[in-house]
């Protein structure tokens, strides 16, 4: 076993297995939310009052539907990629791409959830409340899903500490 800068005594294969396992656990958290949102959006047009929505509400609905579908595609992509390539023993590449897919999928999910909040708020309240609520929701995604992790990442890199758990692009 080689001593890794991460403080773990593991081989590269063990590290890749651990990284993939951690990623799959994270996807198990995100996917049910995407599935529920997507199912909700698929059912909405069949509601009695859907034909009475404004052009703005229709556009927000359609954009949110597409963002949710894209989030689902990106978050499920690691499974499809693995199924089609696992015989070739390219786990390093799988972990690299799956990480990228997951980050993109979470970005699309944040936008889709913001769109859903906008759509529902637009139906229930006035435009001012819609703008405030949507901006607040989007801001929370930016802070908790982007700014805080990037702040930690940049501090870590600024301290000169190595980036050990992200394999290089093979």
C-alpha atoms as a PDB file:
ATOM      1  CA  UNK A   1       0.000   0.000   0.000  1.00  0.00           C
ATOM      2  CA  UNK A   2       1.236   3.458  -0.779  1.00  0.00           C
ATOM      3  CA  UNK A   3       0.951   6.319   1.681  1.00  0.00           C
ATOM      4  CA  UNK A   4      -1.450   8.873   0.197  1.00  0.00           C
ATOM      5  CA  UNK A   5      -1.392  12.595   1.013  1.00  0.00           C
ATOM      6  CA  UNK A   6      -5.048  12.175   2.012  1.00  0.00           C
ATOM      7  CA  UNK A   7      -3.830  10.382   5.128  1.00  0.00           C
ATOM      8  CA  UNK A   8      -5.344   7.120   3.952  1.00  0.00           C
ATOM      9  CA  UNK A   9      -3.327   4.012   3.467  1.00  0.00           C
ATOM     10  CA  UNK A  10      -4.865   2.841   0.191  1.00  0.00           C
ATOM     11  CA  UNK A  11      -3.857   1.949  -3.315  1.00  0.00           C
ATOM     12  CA  UNK A  12      -5.101   3.946  -6.276  1.00  0.00           C
ATOM     13  CA  UNK A  13      -7.644   1.211  -7.053  1.00  0.00           C
ATOM     14  CA  UNK A  14      -8.937   1.367  -3.482  1.00  0.00           C
ATOM     15  CA  UNK A  15      -9.121   5.165  -3.679  1.00  0.00           C
ATOM     16  CA  UNK A  16     -11.068   4.978  -6.936  1.00  0.00           C
ATOM     17  CA  UNK A  17     -13.437   2.405  -5.418  1.00  0.00           C
ATOM     18  CA  UNK A  18     -13.957   4.675  -2.389  1.00  0.00           C
ATOM     19  CA  UNK A  19     -14.478   7.764  -4.571  1.00  0.00           C
ATOM     20  CA  UNK A  20     -17.008   5.930  -6.720  1.00  0.00           C
ATOM     21  CA  UNK A  21     -18.831   4.584  -3.660  1.00  0.00           C
ATOM     22  CA  UNK A  22     -19.023   8.055  -2.109  1.00  0.00           C
ATOM     23  CA  UNK A  23     -20.294   9.525  -5.365  1.00  0.00           C
ATOM     24  CA  UNK A  24     -22.981   6.856  -5.676  1.00  0.00           C
ATOM     25  CA  UNK A  25     -24.144   7.599  -2.111  1.00  0.00           C
ATOM     26  CA  UNK A  26     -24.405  11.297  -2.981  1.00  0.00           C
ATOM     27  CA  UNK A  27     -26.406  10.497  -6.118  1.00  0.00           C
ATOM     28  CA  UNK A  28     -28.788   8.393  -4.017  1.00  0.00           C
ATOM     29  CA  UNK A  29     -29.583  11.568  -2.090  1.00  0.00           C
ATOM     30  CA  UNK A  30     -30.101  13.796  -5.144  1.00  0.00           C
ATOM     31  CA  UNK A  31     -31.994  11.461  -7.469  1.00  0.00           C
ATOM     32  CA  UNK A  32     -35.222  11.059  -5.472  1.00  0.00           C
ATOM     33  CA  UNK A  33     -35.632  14.839  -5.409  1.00  0.00           C
ATOM     34  CA  UNK A  34     -35.190  15.025  -9.164  1.00  0.00           C
ATOM     35  CA  UNK A  35     -37.630  12.172  -9.689  1.00  0.00           C
ATOM     36  CA  UNK A  36     -40.310  13.732  -7.483  1.00  0.00           C
ATOM     37  CA  UNK A  37     -39.931  17.141  -9.150  1.00  0.00           C
ATOM     38  CA  UNK A  38     -40.027  15.577 -12.613  1.00  0.00           C
ATOM     39  CA  UNK A  39     -43.141  13.536 -11.770  1.00  0.00           C
ATOM     40  CA  UNK A  40     -44.834  16.662 -10.400  1.00  0.00           C
ATOM     41  CA  UNK A  41     -43.994  18.613 -13.559  1.00  0.00           C
ATOM     42  CA  UNK A  42     -45.238  15.823 -15.812  1.00  0.00           C
ATOM     43  CA  UNK A  43     -48.587  15.799 -13.993  1.00  0.00           C
ATOM     44  CA  UNK A  44     -49.128  19.579 -13.977  1.00  0.00           C
ATOM     45  CA  UNK A  45     -50.369  19.974 -17.589  1.00  0.00           C
ATOM     46  CA  UNK A  46     -53.152  17.507 -16.896  1.00  0.00           C
ATOM     47  CA  UNK A  47     -54.615  19.653 -14.114  1.00  0.00           C
ATOM     48  CA  UNK A  48     -57.864  21.411 -14.914  1.00  0.00           C
ATOM     49  CA  UNK A  49     -56.586  25.006 -14.635  1.00  0.00           C
ATOM     50  CA  UNK A  50     -53.336  24.506 -16.537  1.00  0.00           C
ATOM     51  CA  UNK A  51     -54.868  25.981 -19.694  1.00  0.00           C
ATOM     52  CA  UNK A  52     -55.451  29.255 -17.813  1.00  0.00           C
ATOM     53  CA  UNK A  53     -51.767  30.001 -17.161  1.00  0.00           C
ATOM     54  CA  UNK A  54     -50.075  33.077 -18.562  1.00  0.00           C
ATOM     55  CA  UNK A  55     -47.410  32.919 -21.285  1.00  0.00           C
ATOM     56  CA  UNK A  56     -44.787  33.713 -18.613  1.00  0.00           C
ATOM     57  CA  UNK A  57     -45.968  30.812 -16.428  1.00  0.00           C
ATOM     58  CA  UNK A  58     -45.977  28.524 -19.472  1.00  0.00           C
ATOM     59  CA  UNK A  59     -42.401  29.496 -20.327  1.00  0.00           C
ATOM     60  CA  UNK A  60     -41.213  29.041 -16.729  1.00  0.00           C
ATOM     61  CA  UNK A  61     -42.976  25.680 -16.589  1.00  0.00           C
ATOM     62  CA  UNK A  62     -41.372  24.472 -19.827  1.00  0.00           C
ATOM     63  CA  UNK A  63     -37.894  25.699 -18.844  1.00  0.00           C
ATOM     64  CA  UNK A  64     -38.256  24.027 -15.437  1.00  0.00           C
ATOM     65  CA  UNK A  65     -39.369  20.772 -17.073  1.00  0.00           C
ATOM     66  CA  UNK A  66     -36.328  20.810 -19.385  1.00  0.00           C
ATOM     67  CA  UNK A  67     -33.948  21.707 -16.535  1.00  0.00           C
ATOM     68  CA  UNK A  68     -35.333  18.853 -14.437  1.00  0.00           C
ATOM     69  CA  UNK A  69     -34.975  16.391 -17.311  1.00  0.00           C
ATOM     70  CA  UNK A  70     -31.394  17.563 -17.872  1.00  0.00           C
ATOM     71  CA  UNK A  71     -30.625  17.169 -14.154  1.00  0.00           C
ATOM     72  CA  UNK A  72     -31.987  13.620 -14.261  1.00  0.00           C
ATOM     73  CA  UNK A  73     -29.942  12.832 -17.363  1.00  0.00           C
ATOM     74  CA  UNK A  74     -26.739  14.128 -15.806  1.00  0.00           C
ATOM     75  CA  UNK A  75     -27.280  12.436 -12.436  1.00  0.00           C
ATOM     76  CA  UNK A  76     -28.136   9.077 -14.030  1.00  0.00           C
ATOM     77  CA  UNK A  77     -25.357   9.306 -16.645  1.00  0.00           C
ATOM     78  CA  UNK A  78     -22.690   7.724 -14.375  1.00  0.00           C
ATOM     79  CA  UNK A  79     -24.773   4.543 -14.169  1.00  0.00           C
ATOM     80  CA  UNK A  80     -25.257   4.361 -17.925  1.00  0.00           C
ATOM     81  CA  UNK A  81     -21.586   5.118 -18.555  1.00  0.00           C
ATOM     82  CA  UNK A  82     -20.520   2.418 -16.110  1.00  0.00           C
ATOM     83  CA  UNK A  83     -22.886  -0.188 -17.561  1.00  0.00           C
ATOM     84  CA  UNK A  84     -21.524   0.350 -21.071  1.00  0.00           C
ATOM     85  CA  UNK A  85     -17.826   0.525 -20.151  1.00  0.00           C
ATOM     86  CA  UNK A  86     -17.198  -1.535 -17.007  1.00  0.00           C
ATOM     87  CA  UNK A  87     -15.598  -4.432 -18.929  1.00  0.00           C
ATOM     88  CA  UNK A  88     -12.823  -2.118 -20.061  1.00  0.00           C
ATOM     89  CA  UNK A  89     -11.524  -1.411 -16.529  1.00  0.00           C
ATOM     90  CA  UNK A  90     -11.550   2.378 -16.923  1.00  0.00           C
ATOM     91  CA  UNK A  91     -12.592   3.229 -13.381  1.00  0.00           C
ATOM     92  CA  UNK A  92     -10.316   6.284 -13.263  1.00  0.00           C
ATOM     93  CA  UNK A  93     -12.130   7.753 -16.270  1.00  0.00           C
ATOM     94  CA  UNK A  94     -15.524   6.753 -14.826  1.00  0.00           C
ATOM     95  CA  UNK A  95     -14.810   8.517 -11.524  1.00  0.00           C
ATOM     96  CA  UNK A  96     -13.577  11.608 -13.359  1.00  0.00           C
ATOM     97  CA  UNK A  97     -16.624  11.822 -15.662  1.00  0.00           C
ATOM     98  CA  UNK A  98     -19.130  10.814 -12.988  1.00  0.00           C
ATOM     99  CA  UNK A  99     -17.864  13.649 -10.806  1.00  0.00           C
ATOM    100  CA  UNK A 100     -18.357  16.116 -13.667  1.00  0.00           C
ATOM    101  CA  UNK A 101     -21.816  14.707 -14.478  1.00  0.00           C
ATOM    102  CA  UNK A 102     -22.871  14.965 -10.821  1.00  0.00           C
ATOM    103  CA  UNK A 103     -21.716  18.576 -10.492  1.00  0.00           C
ATOM    104  CA  UNK A 104     -23.529  19.535 -13.706  1.00  0.00           C
ATOM    105  CA  UNK A 105     -26.625  17.610 -12.615  1.00  0.00           C
ATOM    106  CA  UNK A 106     -26.719  19.420  -9.276  1.00  0.00           C
ATOM    107  CA  UNK A 107     -26.419  22.742 -11.092  1.00  0.00           C
ATOM    108  CA  UNK A 108     -29.363  21.882 -13.323  1.00  0.00           C
ATOM    109  CA  UNK A 109     -31.291  20.654 -10.289  1.00  0.00           C
ATOM    110  CA  UNK A 110     -30.708  23.959  -8.481  1.00  0.00           C
ATOM    111  CA  UNK A 111     -32.016  25.858 -11.510  1.00  0.00           C
ATOM    112  CA  UNK A 112     -34.999  23.516 -11.843  1.00  0.00           C
ATOM    113  CA  UNK A 113     -35.923  23.868  -8.178  1.00  0.00           C
ATOM    114  CA  UNK A 114     -35.612  27.632  -8.482  1.00  0.00           C
ATOM    115  CA  UNK A 115     -37.901  27.487 -11.520  1.00  0.00           C
ATOM    116  CA  UNK A 116     -40.452  25.380  -9.642  1.00  0.00           C
ATOM    117  CA  UNK A 117     -40.417  27.852  -6.752  1.00  0.00           C
ATOM    118  CA  UNK A 118     -40.872  30.701  -9.227  1.00  0.00           C
ATOM    119  CA  UNK A 119     -43.752  28.959 -10.950  1.00  0.00           C
ATOM    120  CA  UNK A 120     -45.637  28.152  -7.763  1.00  0.00           C
ATOM    121  CA  UNK A 121     -45.015  31.580  -6.252  1.00  0.00           C
ATOM    122  CA  UNK A 122     -46.189  33.249  -9.482  1.00  0.00           C
ATOM    123  CA  UNK A 123     -49.483  31.371  -9.265  1.00  0.00           C
ATOM    124  CA  UNK A 124     -50.007  32.102  -5.570  1.00  0.00           C
ATOM    125  CA  UNK A 125     -48.688  35.651  -5.062  1.00  0.00           C
ATOM    126  CA  UNK A 126     -47.970  38.961  -6.748  1.00  0.00           C
ATOM    127  CA  UNK A 127     -44.907  39.603  -8.970  1.00  0.00           C
ATOM    128  CA  UNK A 128     -42.975  41.312  -6.164  1.00  0.00           C
ATOM    129  CA  UNK A 129     -43.296  38.293  -3.868  1.00  0.00           C
ATOM    130  CA  UNK A 130     -42.374  36.043  -6.807  1.00  0.00           C
ATOM    131  CA  UNK A 131     -39.195  38.021  -7.499  1.00  0.00           C
ATOM    132  CA  UNK A 132     -38.177  38.100  -3.818  1.00  0.00           C
ATOM    133  CA  UNK A 133     -38.862  34.412  -3.218  1.00  0.00           C
ATOM    134  CA  UNK A 134     -37.133  33.333  -6.427  1.00  0.00           C
ATOM    135  CA  UNK A 135     -34.078  35.485  -5.716  1.00  0.00           C
ATOM    136  CA  UNK A 136     -33.896  34.164  -2.155  1.00  0.00           C
ATOM    137  CA  UNK A 137     -34.176  30.542  -3.299  1.00  0.00           C
ATOM    138  CA  UNK A 138     -31.549  31.014  -6.006  1.00  0.00           C
ATOM    139  CA  UNK A 139     -29.264  32.779  -3.526  1.00  0.00           C
ATOM    140  CA  UNK A 140     -29.515  29.889  -1.099  1.00  0.00           C
ATOM    141  CA  UNK A 141     -28.484  27.442  -3.812  1.00  0.00           C
ATOM    142  CA  UNK A 142     -25.552  29.662  -4.757  1.00  0.00           C
ATOM    143  CA  UNK A 143     -24.405  30.011  -1.138  1.00  0.00           C
ATOM    144  CA  UNK A 144     -24.853  26.442   0.088  1.00  0.00           C
ATOM    145  CA  UNK A 145     -24.193  24.451  -3.078  1.00  0.00           C
ATOM    146  CA  UNK A 146     -21.519  26.642  -4.684  1.00  0.00           C
ATOM    147  CA  UNK A 147     -19.975  29.442  -2.611  1.00  0.00           C
ATOM    148  CA  UNK A 148     -19.311  27.524   0.621  1.00  0.00           C
ATOM    149  CA  UNK A 149     -17.746  24.478  -1.052  1.00  0.00           C
ATOM    150  CA  UNK A 150     -15.679  26.647  -3.411  1.00  0.00           C
ATOM    151  CA  UNK A 151     -14.531  28.823  -0.522  1.00  0.00           C
ATOM    152  CA  UNK A 152     -13.294  25.721   1.290  1.00  0.00           C
ATOM    153  CA  UNK A 153     -11.686  24.388  -1.888  1.00  0.00           C
ATOM    154  CA  UNK A 154      -9.854  27.659  -2.621  1.00  0.00           C
ATOM    155  CA  UNK A 155      -8.622  27.936   0.976  1.00  0.00           C
ATOM    156  CA  UNK A 156      -7.323  24.396   0.778  1.00  0.00           C
ATOM    157  CA  UNK A 157      -5.549  25.037  -2.527  1.00  0.00           C
ATOM    158  CA  UNK A 158      -4.208  28.419  -1.338  1.00  0.00           C
ATOM    159  CA  UNK A 159      -2.615  26.643   1.604  1.00  0.00           C
ATOM    160  CA  UNK A 160      -0.667  24.569  -0.914  1.00  0.00           C
ATOM    161  CA  UNK A 161      -2.325  21.322   0.060  1.00  0.00           C
ATOM    162  CA  UNK A 162      -2.598  18.749  -2.736  1.00  0.00           C
ATOM    163  CA  UNK A 163      -5.845  17.805  -4.410  1.00  0.00           C
ATOM    164  CA  UNK A 164      -5.758  14.066  -3.773  1.00  0.00           C
ATOM    165  CA  UNK A 165      -9.222  12.644  -4.343  1.00  0.00           C
ATOM    166  CA  UNK A 166      -9.875  13.961  -7.832  1.00  0.00           C
ATOM    167  CA  UNK A 167      -8.174  11.861 -10.459  1.00  0.00           C
ATOM    168  CA  UNK A 168      -6.635  13.714 -13.353  1.00  0.00           C
ATOM    169  CA  UNK A 169      -8.360  13.531 -16.702  1.00  0.00           C
ATOM    170  CA  UNK A 170      -6.885  10.334 -18.214  1.00  0.00           C
END
